[in-house]
Amino acid sequence: MLRDSFEQFRTTDDFDLHKEIKIHYIGEVAQDAGGLMREWITELTTSLFSEYFGLFRQVKGLEDASYFPNSRAKVIHEFEYKEYFRFAG
């Protein structure tokens, strides 16, 4: 889901980002009354900020957590790390 979303936005003109975003899950027939958008954003942010993906590192505080760009993202995502940061931004 993360890769598909990244590829869709990567090929989208910046001007088009001001338009309404329509979410469609492949193989599912559903109308988006806000639930699909909410689910997509939740899954996308969970994936982007996961330790497994390696784009950000989590620093836990006493009551919360903060995320910082991972200095190893360049190694992990070699050619696309800057584009992933732009996508996440």
C-alpha atoms as a PDB file:
ATOM      1  CA  MET A   1       0.000   0.000   0.000  1.00  0.00           C
ATOM      2  CA  LEU A   2       2.864   2.370   0.852  1.00  0.00           C
ATOM      3  CA  ARG A   3       4.670   1.718  -2.416  1.00  0.00           C
ATOM      4  CA  ASP A   4       1.488   2.096  -4.510  1.00  0.00           C
ATOM      5  CA  SER A   5       0.621   5.383  -2.784  1.00  0.00           C
ATOM      6  CA  PHE A   6       4.178   6.644  -3.198  1.00  0.00           C
ATOM      7  CA  GLU A   7       4.147   5.854  -6.923  1.00  0.00           C
ATOM      8  CA  GLN A   8       0.781   7.580  -7.424  1.00  0.00           C
ATOM      9  CA  PHE A   9       1.919  10.788  -5.730  1.00  0.00           C
ATOM     10  CA  ARG A  10       5.337  10.641  -7.341  1.00  0.00           C
ATOM     11  CA  THR A  11       3.801  10.934 -10.789  1.00  0.00           C
ATOM     12  CA  THR A  12       1.244  13.578  -9.784  1.00  0.00           C
ATOM     13  CA  ASP A  13       1.733  17.219 -10.630  1.00  0.00           C
ATOM     14  CA  ASP A  14       2.013  19.401  -7.488  1.00  0.00           C
ATOM     15  CA  PHE A  15      -1.009  21.394  -8.644  1.00  0.00           C
ATOM     16  CA  ASP A  16      -3.143  18.230  -8.601  1.00  0.00           C
ATOM     17  CA  LEU A  17      -2.526  17.847  -4.857  1.00  0.00           C
ATOM     18  CA  HIS A  18      -4.954  20.721  -4.285  1.00  0.00           C
ATOM     19  CA  LYS A  19      -7.746  18.588  -5.709  1.00  0.00           C
ATOM     20  CA  GLU A  20      -9.849  16.026  -3.840  1.00  0.00           C
ATOM     21  CA  ILE A  21      -8.071  12.721  -3.253  1.00  0.00           C
ATOM     22  CA  LYS A  22     -10.048   9.580  -4.079  1.00  0.00           C
ATOM     23  CA  ILE A  23      -9.037   6.325  -2.396  1.00  0.00           C
ATOM     24  CA  HIS A  24      -9.730   2.963  -4.061  1.00  0.00           C
ATOM     25  CA  TYR A  25      -8.575  -0.370  -2.697  1.00  0.00           C
ATOM     26  CA  ILE A  26      -7.972  -2.943  -5.414  1.00  0.00           C
ATOM     27  CA  GLY A  27     -10.515  -5.743  -5.265  1.00  0.00           C
ATOM     28  CA  GLU A  28     -12.861  -3.895  -2.904  1.00  0.00           C
ATOM     29  CA  VAL A  29     -16.123  -2.262  -3.844  1.00  0.00           C
ATOM     30  CA  ALA A  30     -16.800   0.554  -1.403  1.00  0.00           C
ATOM     31  CA  GLN A  31     -17.791   4.179  -1.449  1.00  0.00           C
ATOM     32  CA  ASP A  32     -15.572   6.555   0.455  1.00  0.00           C
ATOM     33  CA  ALA A  33     -17.661   8.415   3.002  1.00  0.00           C
ATOM     34  CA  GLY A  34     -14.516   9.231   4.951  1.00  0.00           C
ATOM     35  CA  GLY A  35     -13.760   5.757   6.254  1.00  0.00           C
ATOM     36  CA  LEU A  36     -11.498   4.698   3.390  1.00  0.00           C
ATOM     37  CA  MET A  37      -9.559   7.957   3.572  1.00  0.00           C
ATOM     38  CA  ARG A  38      -9.110   7.575   7.328  1.00  0.00           C
ATOM     39  CA  GLU A  39      -8.003   3.938   6.941  1.00  0.00           C
ATOM     40  CA  TRP A  40      -5.563   4.862   4.154  1.00  0.00           C
ATOM     41  CA  ILE A  41      -3.997   7.696   6.162  1.00  0.00           C
ATOM     42  CA  THR A  42      -3.663   5.458   9.227  1.00  0.00           C
ATOM     43  CA  GLU A  43      -2.018   2.642   7.256  1.00  0.00           C
ATOM     44  CA  LEU A  44       0.198   5.043   5.333  1.00  0.00           C
ATOM     45  CA  THR A  45       1.534   6.862   8.406  1.00  0.00           C
ATOM     46  CA  THR A  46       1.995   3.600  10.295  1.00  0.00           C
ATOM     47  CA  SER A  47       4.082   2.242   7.406  1.00  0.00           C
ATOM     48  CA  LEU A  48       6.073   5.440   6.822  1.00  0.00           C
ATOM     49  CA  PHE A  49       7.048   5.784  10.472  1.00  0.00           C
ATOM     50  CA  SER A  50       7.678   2.098  11.184  1.00  0.00           C
ATOM     51  CA  GLU A  51      11.133   1.018  12.300  1.00  0.00           C
ATOM     52  CA  TYR A  52      11.032  -1.659   9.611  1.00  0.00           C
ATOM     53  CA  PHE A  53      10.750   0.929   6.820  1.00  0.00           C
ATOM     54  CA  GLY A  54      13.704   2.840   8.294  1.00  0.00           C
ATOM     55  CA  LEU A  55      12.885   6.347   7.133  1.00  0.00           C
ATOM     56  CA  PHE A  56      12.474   7.698  10.664  1.00  0.00           C
ATOM     57  CA  ARG A  57      13.741   6.672  14.074  1.00  0.00           C
ATOM     58  CA  GLN A  58      11.596   6.845  17.156  1.00  0.00           C
ATOM     59  CA  VAL A  59      12.814   8.397  20.395  1.00  0.00           C
ATOM     60  CA  LYS A  60      10.568   7.543  23.327  1.00  0.00           C
ATOM     61  CA  GLY A  61      10.045   9.984  26.142  1.00  0.00           C
ATOM     62  CA  LEU A  62       8.392   9.376  29.490  1.00  0.00           C
ATOM     63  CA  GLU A  63       4.900   9.982  28.170  1.00  0.00           C
ATOM     64  CA  ASP A  64       5.256  10.298  24.413  1.00  0.00           C
ATOM     65  CA  ALA A  65       7.439   9.549  21.414  1.00  0.00           C
ATOM     66  CA  SER A  66       9.121  11.728  18.822  1.00  0.00           C
ATOM     67  CA  TYR A  67      10.241  10.825  15.319  1.00  0.00           C
ATOM     68  CA  PHE A  68      13.400  12.053  13.633  1.00  0.00           C
ATOM     69  CA  PRO A  69      14.814  11.403  10.164  1.00  0.00           C
ATOM     70  CA  ASN A  70      16.954   8.295  10.239  1.00  0.00           C
ATOM     71  CA  SER A  71      20.547   9.006   9.225  1.00  0.00           C
ATOM     72  CA  ARG A  72      20.660   5.511   7.680  1.00  0.00           C
ATOM     73  CA  ALA A  73      17.681   6.194   5.377  1.00  0.00           C
ATOM     74  CA  LYS A  74      20.125   6.992   2.569  1.00  0.00           C
ATOM     75  CA  VAL A  75      21.609   3.510   2.899  1.00  0.00           C
ATOM     76  CA  ILE A  76      18.256   1.754   3.303  1.00  0.00           C
ATOM     77  CA  HIS A  77      16.455   3.516   0.443  1.00  0.00           C
ATOM     78  CA  GLU A  78      19.537   4.329  -1.624  1.00  0.00           C
ATOM     79  CA  PHE A  79      18.097   6.273  -4.563  1.00  0.00           C
ATOM     80  CA  GLU A  80      14.627   7.263  -3.380  1.00  0.00           C
ATOM     81  CA  TYR A  81      15.204   8.395   0.203  1.00  0.00           C
ATOM     82  CA  LYS A  82      14.810  12.112  -0.605  1.00  0.00           C
ATOM     83  CA  GLU A  83      11.597  11.428  -2.496  1.00  0.00           C
ATOM     84  CA  TYR A  84      10.260   9.372   0.430  1.00  0.00           C
ATOM     85  CA  PHE A  85      10.998  12.261   2.819  1.00  0.00           C
ATOM     86  CA  ARG A  86       9.210  14.645   0.449  1.00  0.00           C
ATOM     87  CA  PHE A  87       6.285  12.238   0.263  1.00  0.00           C
ATOM     88  CA  ALA A  88       6.138  11.991   4.054  1.00  0.00           C
ATOM     89  CA  GLY A  89       6.395  15.779   4.425  1.00  0.00           C
END
